[in-house]
Amino acid sequence: MLGWTGDYGDPDSFYYAHFGPGATSDIGNWKNARVFELLNKGRATGDRAARAKIYAEVDKILSNESLRLPIVHAQPLLAKRKTLMVGFPVHWVVSRLMTLVRSEVGVRTRLKDEG
């Protein structure tokens, strides 16, 4: 199964990426001012109970509008050393490594062009 997964298990990782401003070009650039407002409010709120209410309202709106219907979600693979207390999702590790590689390649290219 191929697909997308969130960075971590926070509702913002899933809702904002799929329904936030600019995230719906594949489904006709759907917009809902109330959802955008709630998503921004959820991002700005640190209180767990308040966030749960905010994202419950987002979920209700999205369920009623049936924009995207998730049909499956895989358990992300984790990479972990015995000495680490927390595992990191493999995609997160790969993403960070690729960022470092791209950065290094960019530096080398600039140095080569300048030299």
PDB file of N, CA and C in Angstrom:
ATOM      1  N   MET A   1       0.852  -1.174   0.000  1.00  0.00           N
ATOM      2  CA  MET A   1       0.000   0.000   0.000  1.00  0.00           C
ATOM      3  C   MET A   1       0.894   1.232   0.000  1.00  0.00           C
ATOM      4  N   LEU A   2       0.683   2.087  -0.939  1.00  0.00           N
ATOM      5  CA  LEU A   2       1.424   3.338  -1.004  1.00  0.00           C
ATOM      6  C   LEU A   2       0.516   4.466  -0.564  1.00  0.00           C
ATOM      7  N   GLY A   3       1.094   5.529  -0.077  1.00  0.00           N
ATOM      8  CA  GLY A   3       0.265   6.654   0.303  1.00  0.00           C
ATOM      9  C   GLY A   3       0.992   7.624   1.193  1.00  0.00           C
ATOM     10  N   TRP A   4       0.244   8.447   1.854  1.00  0.00           N
ATOM     11  CA  TRP A   4       0.749   9.517   2.692  1.00  0.00           C
ATOM     12  C   TRP A   4       0.504   9.147   4.142  1.00  0.00           C
ATOM     13  N   THR A   5       1.366   9.592   5.012  1.00  0.00           N
ATOM     14  CA  THR A   5       1.135   9.435   6.437  1.00  0.00           C
ATOM     15  C   THR A   5       1.606  10.705   7.132  1.00  0.00           C
ATOM     16  N   GLY A   6       1.067  10.975   8.293  1.00  0.00           N
ATOM     17  CA  GLY A   6       1.420  12.190   9.015  1.00  0.00           C
ATOM     18  C   GLY A   6       2.771  12.087   9.698  1.00  0.00           C
ATOM     19  N   ASP A   7       3.320  13.236  10.076  1.00  0.00           N
ATOM     20  CA  ASP A   7       4.595  13.259  10.790  1.00  0.00           C
ATOM     21  C   ASP A   7       4.460  12.615  12.163  1.00  0.00           C
ATOM     22  N   TYR A   8       3.355  12.883  12.815  1.00  0.00           N
ATOM     23  CA  TYR A   8       3.067  12.332  14.133  1.00  0.00           C
ATOM     24  C   TYR A   8       1.557  12.344  14.311  1.00  0.00           C
ATOM     25  N   GLY A   9       1.078  11.697  15.337  1.00  0.00           N
ATOM     26  CA  GLY A   9      -0.353  11.488  15.504  1.00  0.00           C
ATOM     27  C   GLY A   9      -1.155  12.671  16.008  1.00  0.00           C
ATOM     28  N   ASP A  10      -0.922  13.843  15.478  1.00  0.00           N
ATOM     29  CA  ASP A  10      -1.692  15.019  15.857  1.00  0.00           C
ATOM     30  C   ASP A  10      -2.735  15.286  14.783  1.00  0.00           C
ATOM     31  N   PRO A  11      -3.964  15.639  15.169  1.00  0.00           N
ATOM     32  CA  PRO A  11      -5.008  15.894  14.167  1.00  0.00           C
ATOM     33  C   PRO A  11      -4.592  16.926  13.118  1.00  0.00           C
ATOM     34  N   ASP A  12      -3.789  17.912  13.512  1.00  0.00           N
ATOM     35  CA  ASP A  12      -3.360  18.940  12.569  1.00  0.00           C
ATOM     36  C   ASP A  12      -2.569  18.349  11.408  1.00  0.00           C
ATOM     37  N   SER A  13      -1.783  17.313  11.667  1.00  0.00           N
ATOM     38  CA  SER A  13      -0.988  16.688  10.603  1.00  0.00           C
ATOM     39  C   SER A  13      -1.865  16.127   9.498  1.00  0.00           C
ATOM     40  N   PHE A  14      -3.058  15.725   9.849  1.00  0.00           N
ATOM     41  CA  PHE A  14      -3.953  15.113   8.882  1.00  0.00           C
ATOM     42  C   PHE A  14      -4.958  16.118   8.324  1.00  0.00           C
ATOM     43  N   TYR A  15      -5.610  16.855   9.192  1.00  0.00           N
ATOM     44  CA  TYR A  15      -6.643  17.785   8.731  1.00  0.00           C
ATOM     45  C   TYR A  15      -6.070  18.934   7.903  1.00  0.00           C
ATOM     46  N   TYR A  16      -5.028  19.590   8.401  1.00  0.00           N
ATOM     47  CA  TYR A  16      -4.512  20.766   7.694  1.00  0.00           C
ATOM     48  C   TYR A  16      -3.909  20.371   6.349  1.00  0.00           C
ATOM     49  N   ALA A  17      -3.204  19.262   6.325  1.00  0.00           N
ATOM     50  CA  ALA A  17      -2.561  18.815   5.082  1.00  0.00           C
ATOM     51  C   ALA A  17      -3.573  18.452   3.997  1.00  0.00           C
ATOM     52  N   HIS A  18      -4.736  17.983   4.400  1.00  0.00           N
ATOM     53  CA  HIS A  18      -5.730  17.529   3.423  1.00  0.00           C
ATOM     54  C   HIS A  18      -6.891  18.502   3.203  1.00  0.00           C
ATOM     55  N   PHE A  19      -7.128  19.402   4.159  1.00  0.00           N
ATOM     56  CA  PHE A  19      -8.296  20.282   4.050  1.00  0.00           C
ATOM     57  C   PHE A  19      -7.991  21.749   4.320  1.00  0.00           C
ATOM     58  N   GLY A  20      -6.745  22.071   4.645  1.00  0.00           N
ATOM     59  CA  GLY A  20      -6.372  23.454   4.916  1.00  0.00           C
ATOM     60  C   GLY A  20      -6.289  24.275   3.636  1.00  0.00           C
ATOM     61  N   PRO A  21      -6.034  25.571   3.784  1.00  0.00           N
ATOM     62  CA  PRO A  21      -5.928  26.451   2.612  1.00  0.00           C
ATOM     63  C   PRO A  21      -4.909  25.926   1.602  1.00  0.00           C
ATOM     64  N   GLY A  22      -5.308  25.817   0.356  1.00  0.00           N
ATOM     65  CA  GLY A  22      -4.430  25.365  -0.707  1.00  0.00           C
ATOM     66  C   GLY A  22      -4.219  23.861  -0.788  1.00  0.00           C
ATOM     67  N   ALA A  23      -4.870  23.094   0.064  1.00  0.00           N
ATOM     68  CA  ALA A  23      -4.635  21.649   0.115  1.00  0.00           C
ATOM     69  C   ALA A  23      -5.627  20.841  -0.722  1.00  0.00           C
ATOM     70  N   THR A  24      -6.546  21.514  -1.387  1.00  0.00           N
ATOM     71  CA  THR A  24      -7.604  20.771  -2.083  1.00  0.00           C
ATOM     72  C   THR A  24      -7.629  21.019  -3.582  1.00  0.00           C
ATOM     73  N   SER A  25      -6.483  21.330  -4.159  1.00  0.00           N
ATOM     74  CA  SER A  25      -6.460  21.586  -5.605  1.00  0.00           C
ATOM     75  C   SER A  25      -6.871  20.346  -6.395  1.00  0.00           C
ATOM     76  N   ASP A  26      -6.656  19.168  -5.830  1.00  0.00           N
ATOM     77  CA  ASP A  26      -7.022  17.931  -6.520  1.00  0.00           C
ATOM     78  C   ASP A  26      -8.518  17.642  -6.476  1.00  0.00           C
ATOM     79  N   ILE A  27      -9.252  18.378  -5.667  1.00  0.00           N
ATOM     80  CA  ILE A  27     -10.709  18.177  -5.586  1.00  0.00           C
ATOM     81  C   ILE A  27     -11.451  19.489  -5.819  1.00  0.00           C
ATOM     82  N   GLY A  28     -10.958  20.274  -6.764  1.00  0.00           N
ATOM     83  CA  GLY A  28     -11.668  21.489  -7.164  1.00  0.00           C
ATOM     84  C   GLY A  28     -11.456  22.695  -6.289  1.00  0.00           C
ATOM     85  N   ASN A  29     -10.353  22.750  -5.553  1.00  0.00           N
ATOM     86  CA  ASN A  29     -10.047  23.889  -4.680  1.00  0.00           C
ATOM     87  C   ASN A  29     -11.173  24.203  -3.700  1.00  0.00           C
ATOM     88  N   TRP A  30     -11.664  23.176  -3.062  1.00  0.00           N
ATOM     89  CA  TRP A  30     -12.711  23.318  -2.056  1.00  0.00           C
ATOM     90  C   TRP A  30     -12.260  24.299  -0.987  1.00  0.00           C
ATOM     91  N   LYS A  31     -13.180  25.123  -0.537  1.00  0.00           N
ATOM     92  CA  LYS A  31     -12.901  26.082   0.533  1.00  0.00           C
ATOM     93  C   LYS A  31     -14.076  26.122   1.487  1.00  0.00           C
ATOM     94  N   ASN A  32     -13.764  26.225   2.756  1.00  0.00           N
ATOM     95  CA  ASN A  32     -14.789  26.380   3.778  1.00  0.00           C
ATOM     96  C   ASN A  32     -14.184  27.270   4.854  1.00  0.00           C
ATOM     97  N   ALA A  33     -14.629  28.500   4.927  1.00  0.00           N
ATOM     98  CA  ALA A  33     -14.062  29.482   5.852  1.00  0.00           C
ATOM     99  C   ALA A  33     -14.120  29.002   7.297  1.00  0.00           C
ATOM    100  N   ARG A  34     -15.205  28.319   7.664  1.00  0.00           N
ATOM    101  CA  ARG A  34     -15.325  27.842   9.046  1.00  0.00           C
ATOM    102  C   ARG A  34     -14.270  26.765   9.341  1.00  0.00           C
ATOM    103  N   VAL A  35     -14.039  25.865   8.404  1.00  0.00           N
ATOM    104  CA  VAL A  35     -13.018  24.831   8.600  1.00  0.00           C
ATOM    105  C   VAL A  35     -11.642  25.477   8.701  1.00  0.00           C
ATOM    106  N   PHE A  36     -11.346  26.432   7.826  1.00  0.00           N
ATOM    107  CA  PHE A  36     -10.049  27.113   7.878  1.00  0.00           C
ATOM    108  C   PHE A  36      -9.865  27.814   9.227  1.00  0.00           C
ATOM    109  N   GLU A  37     -10.929  28.467   9.688  1.00  0.00           N
ATOM    110  CA  GLU A  37     -10.879  29.160  10.979  1.00  0.00           C
ATOM    111  C   GLU A  37     -10.610  28.165  12.108  1.00  0.00           C
ATOM    112  N   LEU A  38     -11.315  27.037  12.097  1.00  0.00           N
ATOM    113  CA  LEU A  38     -11.134  26.028  13.137  1.00  0.00           C
ATOM    114  C   LEU A  38      -9.741  25.399  13.085  1.00  0.00           C
ATOM    115  N   LEU A  39      -9.251  25.130  11.884  1.00  0.00           N
ATOM    116  CA  LEU A  39      -7.920  24.549  11.759  1.00  0.00           C
ATOM    117  C   LEU A  39      -6.854  25.491  12.320  1.00  0.00           C
ATOM    118  N   ASN A  40      -6.974  26.768  12.017  1.00  0.00           N
ATOM    119  CA  ASN A  40      -6.020  27.737  12.560  1.00  0.00           C
ATOM    120  C   ASN A  40      -6.146  27.863  14.068  1.00  0.00           C
ATOM    121  N   LYS A  41      -7.375  27.809  14.560  1.00  0.00           N
ATOM    122  CA  LYS A  41      -7.616  27.871  16.003  1.00  0.00           C
ATOM    123  C   LYS A  41      -7.025  26.624  16.688  1.00  0.00           C
ATOM    124  N   GLY A  42      -7.196  25.467  16.070  1.00  0.00           N
ATOM    125  CA  GLY A  42      -6.637  24.235  16.616  1.00  0.00           C
ATOM    126  C   GLY A  42      -5.123  24.287  16.698  1.00  0.00           C
ATOM    127  N   ARG A  43      -4.497  24.863  15.683  1.00  0.00           N
ATOM    128  CA  ARG A  43      -3.038  25.007  15.681  1.00  0.00           C
ATOM    129  C   ARG A  43      -2.564  25.937  16.792  1.00  0.00           C
ATOM    130  N   ALA A  44      -3.355  26.942  17.112  1.00  0.00           N
ATOM    131  CA  ALA A  44      -2.948  27.950  18.088  1.00  0.00           C
ATOM    132  C   ALA A  44      -3.300  27.582  19.521  1.00  0.00           C
ATOM    133  N   THR A  45      -4.074  26.524  19.702  1.00  0.00           N
ATOM    134  CA  THR A  45      -4.550  26.148  21.030  1.00  0.00           C
ATOM    135  C   THR A  45      -3.702  25.020  21.600  1.00  0.00           C
ATOM    136  N   GLY A  46      -3.236  25.206  22.821  1.00  0.00           N
ATOM    137  CA  GLY A  46      -2.437  24.171  23.474  1.00  0.00           C
ATOM    138  C   GLY A  46      -3.243  23.253  24.375  1.00  0.00           C
ATOM    139  N   ASP A  47      -4.427  23.686  24.748  1.00  0.00           N
ATOM    140  CA  ASP A  47      -5.266  22.907  25.659  1.00  0.00           C
ATOM    141  C   ASP A  47      -5.858  21.697  24.938  1.00  0.00           C
ATOM    142  N   ARG A  48      -5.577  20.499  25.430  1.00  0.00           N
ATOM    143  CA  ARG A  48      -6.018  19.271  24.757  1.00  0.00           C
ATOM    144  C   ARG A  48      -7.535  19.157  24.650  1.00  0.00           C
ATOM    145  N   ALA A  49      -8.232  19.495  25.704  1.00  0.00           N
ATOM    146  CA  ALA A  49      -9.694  19.385  25.689  1.00  0.00           C
ATOM    147  C   ALA A  49     -10.294  20.361  24.670  1.00  0.00           C
ATOM    148  N   ALA A  50      -9.758  21.575  24.625  1.00  0.00           N
ATOM    149  CA  ALA A  50     -10.243  22.571  23.664  1.00  0.00           C
ATOM    150  C   ALA A  50      -9.940  22.113  22.238  1.00  0.00           C
ATOM    151  N   ARG A  51      -8.748  21.559  22.025  1.00  0.00           N
ATOM    152  CA  ARG A  51      -8.387  21.071  20.689  1.00  0.00           C
ATOM    153  C   ARG A  51      -9.304  19.919  20.273  1.00  0.00           C
ATOM    154  N   ALA A  52      -9.620  19.051  21.208  1.00  0.00           N
ATOM    155  CA  ALA A  52     -10.503  17.915  20.896  1.00  0.00           C
ATOM    156  C   ALA A  52     -11.857  18.431  20.402  1.00  0.00           C
ATOM    157  N   LYS A  53     -12.392  19.451  21.048  1.00  0.00           N
ATOM    158  CA  LYS A  53     -13.675  20.033  20.619  1.00  0.00           C
ATOM    159  C   LYS A  53     -13.554  20.681  19.243  1.00  0.00           C
ATOM    160  N   ILE A  54     -12.458  21.393  19.029  1.00  0.00           N
ATOM    161  CA  ILE A  54     -12.242  22.058  17.738  1.00  0.00           C
ATOM    162  C   ILE A  54     -12.189  21.027  16.615  1.00  0.00           C
ATOM    163  N   TYR A  55     -11.364  19.999  16.803  1.00  0.00           N
ATOM    164  CA  TYR A  55     -11.210  19.006  15.742  1.00  0.00           C
ATOM    165  C   TYR A  55     -12.453  18.126  15.596  1.00  0.00           C
ATOM    166  N   ALA A  56     -13.235  17.981  16.647  1.00  0.00           N
ATOM    167  CA  ALA A  56     -14.507  17.259  16.531  1.00  0.00           C
ATOM    168  C   ALA A  56     -15.460  18.037  15.625  1.00  0.00           C
ATOM    169  N   GLU A  57     -15.451  19.364  15.749  1.00  0.00           N
ATOM    170  CA  GLU A  57     -16.294  20.184  14.879  1.00  0.00           C
ATOM    171  C   GLU A  57     -15.810  20.112  13.424  1.00  0.00           C
ATOM    172  N   VAL A  58     -14.483  20.159  13.244  1.00  0.00           N
ATOM    173  CA  VAL A  58     -13.922  20.014  11.895  1.00  0.00           C
ATOM    174  C   VAL A  58     -14.360  18.670  11.313  1.00  0.00           C
ATOM    175  N   ASP A  59     -14.231  17.628  12.090  1.00  0.00           N
ATOM    176  CA  ASP A  59     -14.599  16.286  11.638  1.00  0.00           C
ATOM    177  C   ASP A  59     -16.071  16.212  11.234  1.00  0.00           C
ATOM    178  N   LYS A  60     -16.933  16.838  12.014  1.00  0.00           N
ATOM    179  CA  LYS A  60     -18.365  16.827  11.706  1.00  0.00           C
ATOM    180  C   LYS A  60     -18.647  17.534  10.372  1.00  0.00           C
ATOM    181  N   ILE A  61     -18.023  18.694  10.173  1.00  0.00           N
ATOM    182  CA  ILE A  61     -18.214  19.437   8.917  1.00  0.00           C
ATOM    183  C   ILE A  61     -17.724  18.610   7.740  1.00  0.00           C
ATOM    184  N   LEU A  62     -16.526  18.046   7.874  1.00  0.00           N
ATOM    185  CA  LEU A  62     -15.949  17.277   6.774  1.00  0.00           C
ATOM    186  C   LEU A  62     -16.740  16.007   6.492  1.00  0.00           C
ATOM    187  N   SER A  63     -17.253  15.392   7.530  1.00  0.00           N
ATOM    188  CA  SER A  63     -18.088  14.196   7.342  1.00  0.00           C
ATOM    189  C   SER A  63     -19.362  14.541   6.580  1.00  0.00           C
ATOM    190  N   ASN A  64     -19.953  15.664   6.919  1.00  0.00           N
ATOM    191  CA  ASN A  64     -21.173  16.087   6.228  1.00  0.00           C
ATOM    192  C   ASN A  64     -20.919  16.445   4.765  1.00  0.00           C
ATOM    193  N   GLU A  65     -19.736  16.985   4.486  1.00  0.00           N
ATOM    194  CA  GLU A  65     -19.421  17.380   3.115  1.00  0.00           C
ATOM    195  C   GLU A  65     -18.825  16.240   2.290  1.00  0.00           C
ATOM    196  N   SER A  66     -18.374  15.184   2.942  1.00  0.00           N
ATOM    197  CA  SER A  66     -17.822  13.986   2.276  1.00  0.00           C
ATOM    198  C   SER A  66     -16.826  14.313   1.165  1.00  0.00           C
ATOM    199  N   LEU A  67     -15.819  15.095   1.504  1.00  0.00           N
ATOM    200  CA  LEU A  67     -14.820  15.497   0.517  1.00  0.00           C
ATOM    201  C   LEU A  67     -13.819  14.397   0.203  1.00  0.00           C
ATOM    202  N   ARG A  68     -13.303  13.814   1.224  1.00  0.00           N
ATOM    203  CA  ARG A  68     -12.351  12.712   1.087  1.00  0.00           C
ATOM    204  C   ARG A  68     -12.820  11.615   2.037  1.00  0.00           C
ATOM    205  N   LEU A  69     -12.786  10.415   1.546  1.00  0.00           N
ATOM    206  CA  LEU A  69     -13.213   9.291   2.377  1.00  0.00           C
ATOM    207  C   LEU A  69     -12.039   8.343   2.573  1.00  0.00           C
ATOM    208  N   PRO A  70     -11.366   8.434   3.735  1.00  0.00           N
ATOM    209  CA  PRO A  70     -10.247   7.528   3.980  1.00  0.00           C
ATOM    210  C   PRO A  70     -10.756   6.093   4.073  1.00  0.00           C
ATOM    211  N   ILE A  71     -10.070   5.199   3.378  1.00  0.00           N
ATOM    212  CA  ILE A  71     -10.525   3.808   3.389  1.00  0.00           C
ATOM    213  C   ILE A  71      -9.554   2.872   4.093  1.00  0.00           C
ATOM    214  N   VAL A  72      -8.333   3.331   4.298  1.00  0.00           N
ATOM    215  CA  VAL A  72      -7.357   2.477   4.962  1.00  0.00           C
ATOM    216  C   VAL A  72      -6.251   3.359   5.535  1.00  0.00           C
ATOM    217  N   HIS A  73      -5.641   2.894   6.588  1.00  0.00           N
ATOM    218  CA  HIS A  73      -4.501   3.597   7.171  1.00  0.00           C
ATOM    219  C   HIS A  73      -3.525   2.552   7.671  1.00  0.00           C
ATOM    220  N   ALA A  74      -2.316   2.604   7.166  1.00  0.00           N
ATOM    221  CA  ALA A  74      -1.292   1.634   7.546  1.00  0.00           C
ATOM    222  C   ALA A  74      -0.630   2.027   8.860  1.00  0.00           C
ATOM    223  N   GLN A  75      -0.133   1.048   9.564  1.00  0.00           N
ATOM    224  CA  GLN A  75       0.674   1.292  10.752  1.00  0.00           C
ATOM    225  C   GLN A  75       2.068   1.681  10.263  1.00  0.00           C
ATOM    226  N   PRO A  76       2.531   2.904  10.559  1.00  0.00           N
ATOM    227  CA  PRO A  76       3.858   3.301  10.075  1.00  0.00           C
ATOM    228  C   PRO A  76       4.949   2.419  10.671  1.00  0.00           C
ATOM    229  N   LEU A  77       5.961   2.142   9.868  1.00  0.00           N
ATOM    230  CA  LEU A  77       7.122   1.411  10.356  1.00  0.00           C
ATOM    231  C   LEU A  77       7.923   2.330  11.254  1.00  0.00           C
ATOM    232  N   LEU A  78       8.552   1.764  12.259  1.00  0.00           N
ATOM    233  CA  LEU A  78       9.375   2.558  13.157  1.00  0.00           C
ATOM    234  C   LEU A  78      10.802   2.048  13.129  1.00  0.00           C
ATOM    235  N   ALA A  79      11.738   2.971  13.153  1.00  0.00           N
ATOM    236  CA  ALA A  79      13.147   2.614  13.279  1.00  0.00           C
ATOM    237  C   ALA A  79      13.567   2.972  14.693  1.00  0.00           C
ATOM    238  N   LYS A  80      14.192   2.041  15.372  1.00  0.00           N
ATOM    239  CA  LYS A  80      14.538   2.299  16.765  1.00  0.00           C
ATOM    240  C   LYS A  80      15.769   1.507  17.163  1.00  0.00           C
ATOM    241  N   ARG A  81      16.658   2.163  17.874  1.00  0.00           N
ATOM    242  CA  ARG A  81      17.788   1.486  18.476  1.00  0.00           C
ATOM    243  C   ARG A  81      17.390   1.024  19.863  1.00  0.00           C
ATOM    244  N   LYS A  82      18.056   0.025  20.351  1.00  0.00           N
ATOM    245  CA  LYS A  82      17.767  -0.440  21.708  1.00  0.00           C
ATOM    246  C   LYS A  82      18.075   0.633  22.749  1.00  0.00           C
ATOM    247  N   THR A  83      19.008   1.523  22.435  1.00  0.00           N
ATOM    248  CA  THR A  83      19.413   2.554  23.384  1.00  0.00           C
ATOM    249  C   THR A  83      18.513   3.784  23.375  1.00  0.00           C
ATOM    250  N   LEU A  84      17.621   3.885  22.391  1.00  0.00           N
ATOM    251  CA  LEU A  84      16.717   5.029  22.318  1.00  0.00           C
ATOM    252  C   LEU A  84      15.434   4.735  23.082  1.00  0.00           C
ATOM    253  N   MET A  85      14.887   5.770  23.690  1.00  0.00           N
ATOM    254  CA  MET A  85      13.632   5.617  24.420  1.00  0.00           C
ATOM    255  C   MET A  85      12.421   5.860  23.517  1.00  0.00           C
ATOM    256  N   VAL A  86      12.620   6.528  22.390  1.00  0.00           N
ATOM    257  CA  VAL A  86      11.520   6.862  21.493  1.00  0.00           C
ATOM    258  C   VAL A  86      11.886   6.429  20.088  1.00  0.00           C
ATOM    259  N   GLY A  87      10.952   5.793  19.376  1.00  0.00           N
ATOM    260  CA  GLY A  87      11.187   5.410  17.987  1.00  0.00           C
ATOM    261  C   GLY A  87      10.757   6.534  17.060  1.00  0.00           C
ATOM    262  N   PHE A  88      11.328   6.581  15.897  1.00  0.00           N
ATOM    263  CA  PHE A  88      10.977   7.580  14.903  1.00  0.00           C
ATOM    264  C   PHE A  88      10.394   6.878  13.687  1.00  0.00           C
ATOM    265  N   PRO A  89       9.286   7.367  13.145  1.00  0.00           N
ATOM    266  CA  PRO A  89       8.748   6.764  11.927  1.00  0.00           C
ATOM    267  C   PRO A  89       9.790   6.809  10.812  1.00  0.00           C
ATOM    268  N   VAL A  90       9.882   5.740  10.071  1.00  0.00           N
ATOM    269  CA  VAL A  90      10.882   5.632   9.013  1.00  0.00           C
ATOM    270  C   VAL A  90      10.769   6.786   8.027  1.00  0.00           C
ATOM    271  N   HIS A  91       9.538   7.145   7.625  1.00  0.00           N
ATOM    272  CA  HIS A  91       9.388   8.230   6.655  1.00  0.00           C
ATOM    273  C   HIS A  91       9.934   9.546   7.199  1.00  0.00           C
ATOM    274  N   TRP A  92       9.828   9.758   8.512  1.00  0.00           N
ATOM    275  CA  TRP A  92      10.352  10.978   9.125  1.00  0.00           C
ATOM    276  C   TRP A  92      11.865  10.989   9.025  1.00  0.00           C
ATOM    277  N   VAL A  93      12.484   9.864   9.343  1.00  0.00           N
ATOM    278  CA  VAL A  93      13.944   9.754   9.282  1.00  0.00           C
ATOM    279  C   VAL A  93      14.418   9.965   7.842  1.00  0.00           C
ATOM    280  N   VAL A  94      13.770   9.295   6.894  1.00  0.00           N
ATOM    281  CA  VAL A  94      14.154   9.425   5.483  1.00  0.00           C
ATOM    282  C   VAL A  94      13.985  10.869   5.021  1.00  0.00           C
ATOM    283  N   SER A  95      12.883  11.498   5.394  1.00  0.00           N
ATOM    284  CA  SER A  95      12.632  12.886   5.011  1.00  0.00           C
ATOM    285  C   SER A  95      13.740  13.795   5.520  1.00  0.00           C
ATOM    286  N   ARG A  96      14.134  13.626   6.780  1.00  0.00           N
ATOM    287  CA  ARG A  96      15.187  14.465   7.357  1.00  0.00           C
ATOM    288  C   ARG A  96      16.528  14.197   6.671  1.00  0.00           C
ATOM    289  N   LEU A  97      16.820  12.939   6.379  1.00  0.00           N
ATOM    290  CA  LEU A  97      18.062  12.603   5.688  1.00  0.00           C
ATOM    291  C   LEU A  97      18.089  13.220   4.290  1.00  0.00           C
ATOM    292  N   MET A  98      16.968  13.151   3.580  1.00  0.00           N
ATOM    293  CA  MET A  98      16.910  13.724   2.231  1.00  0.00           C
ATOM    294  C   MET A  98      17.084  15.239   2.277  1.00  0.00           C
ATOM    295  N   THR A  99      16.552  15.880   3.309  1.00  0.00           N
ATOM    296  CA  THR A  99      16.735  17.319   3.469  1.00  0.00           C
ATOM    297  C   THR A  99      18.213  17.637   3.651  1.00  0.00           C
ATOM    298  N   LEU A 100      18.892  16.844   4.466  1.00  0.00           N
ATOM    299  CA  LEU A 100      20.326  17.044   4.665  1.00  0.00           C
ATOM    300  C   LEU A 100      21.105  16.814   3.378  1.00  0.00           C
ATOM    301  N   VAL A 101      20.747  15.771   2.642  1.00  0.00           N
ATOM    302  CA  VAL A 101      21.428  15.461   1.385  1.00  0.00           C
ATOM    303  C   VAL A 101      21.235  16.590   0.387  1.00  0.00           C
ATOM    304  N   ARG A 102      19.979  17.055   0.229  1.00  0.00           N
ATOM    305  CA  ARG A 102      19.712  18.150  -0.700  1.00  0.00           C
ATOM    306  C   ARG A 102      20.480  19.405  -0.302  1.00  0.00           C
ATOM    307  N   SER A 103      20.554  19.655   0.995  1.00  0.00           N
ATOM    308  CA  SER A 103      21.282  20.813   1.490  1.00  0.00           C
ATOM    309  C   SER A 103      22.764  20.684   1.155  1.00  0.00           C
ATOM    310  N   GLU A 104      23.339  19.526   1.393  1.00  0.00           N
ATOM    311  CA  GLU A 104      24.755  19.284   1.101  1.00  0.00           C
ATOM    312  C   GLU A 104      25.027  19.403  -0.396  1.00  0.00           C
ATOM    313  N   VAL A 105      24.159  18.838  -1.215  1.00  0.00           N
ATOM    314  CA  VAL A 105      24.322  18.928  -2.668  1.00  0.00           C
ATOM    315  C   VAL A 105      24.246  20.382  -3.111  1.00  0.00           C
ATOM    316  N   GLY A 106      23.316  21.129  -2.544  1.00  0.00           N
ATOM    317  CA  GLY A 106      23.183  22.543  -2.875  1.00  0.00           C
ATOM    318  C   GLY A 106      24.437  23.329  -2.515  1.00  0.00           C
ATOM    319  N   VAL A 107      25.016  23.057  -1.360  1.00  0.00           N
ATOM    320  CA  VAL A 107      26.242  23.737  -0.921  1.00  0.00           C
ATOM    321  C   VAL A 107      27.378  23.406  -1.880  1.00  0.00           C
ATOM    322  N   ARG A 108      27.511  22.124  -2.216  1.00  0.00           N
ATOM    323  CA  ARG A 108      28.583  21.721  -3.125  1.00  0.00           C
ATOM    324  C   ARG A 108      28.414  22.348  -4.502  1.00  0.00           C
ATOM    325  N   THR A 109      27.176  22.425  -4.975  1.00  0.00           N
ATOM    326  CA  THR A 109      26.918  23.027  -6.287  1.00  0.00           C
ATOM    327  C   THR A 109      27.272  24.505  -6.269  1.00  0.00           C
ATOM    328  N   ARG A 110      26.888  25.218  -5.211  1.00  0.00           N
ATOM    329  CA  ARG A 110      27.207  26.638  -5.100  1.00  0.00           C
ATOM    330  C   ARG A 110      28.711  26.859  -5.030  1.00  0.00           C
ATOM    331  N   LEU A 111      29.412  26.039  -4.248  1.00  0.00           N
ATOM    332  CA  LEU A 111      30.860  26.171  -4.137  1.00  0.00           C
ATOM    333  C   LEU A 111      31.537  25.906  -5.482  1.00  0.00           C
ATOM    334  N   LYS A 112      31.046  24.903  -6.203  1.00  0.00           N
ATOM    335  CA  LYS A 112      31.605  24.573  -7.507  1.00  0.00           C
ATOM    336  C   LYS A 112      31.384  25.726  -8.482  1.00  0.00           C
ATOM    337  N   ASP A 113      30.174  26.313  -8.462  1.00  0.00           N
ATOM    338  CA  ASP A 113      29.850  27.426  -9.363  1.00  0.00           C
ATOM    339  C   ASP A 113      30.673  28.681  -9.017  1.00  0.00           C
ATOM    340  N   GLU A 114      30.925  28.871  -7.722  1.00  0.00           N
ATOM    341  CA  GLU A 114      31.666  30.054  -7.285  1.00  0.00           C
ATOM    342  C   GLU A 114      33.167  29.899  -7.507  1.00  0.00           C
ATOM    343  N   GLY A 115      33.640  28.651  -7.490  1.00  0.00           N
ATOM    344  CA  GLY A 115      35.081  28.405  -7.548  1.00  0.00           C
ATOM    345  C   GLY A 115      35.575  28.324  -8.898  1.00  0.00           C
TER     346      GLY A 115
END
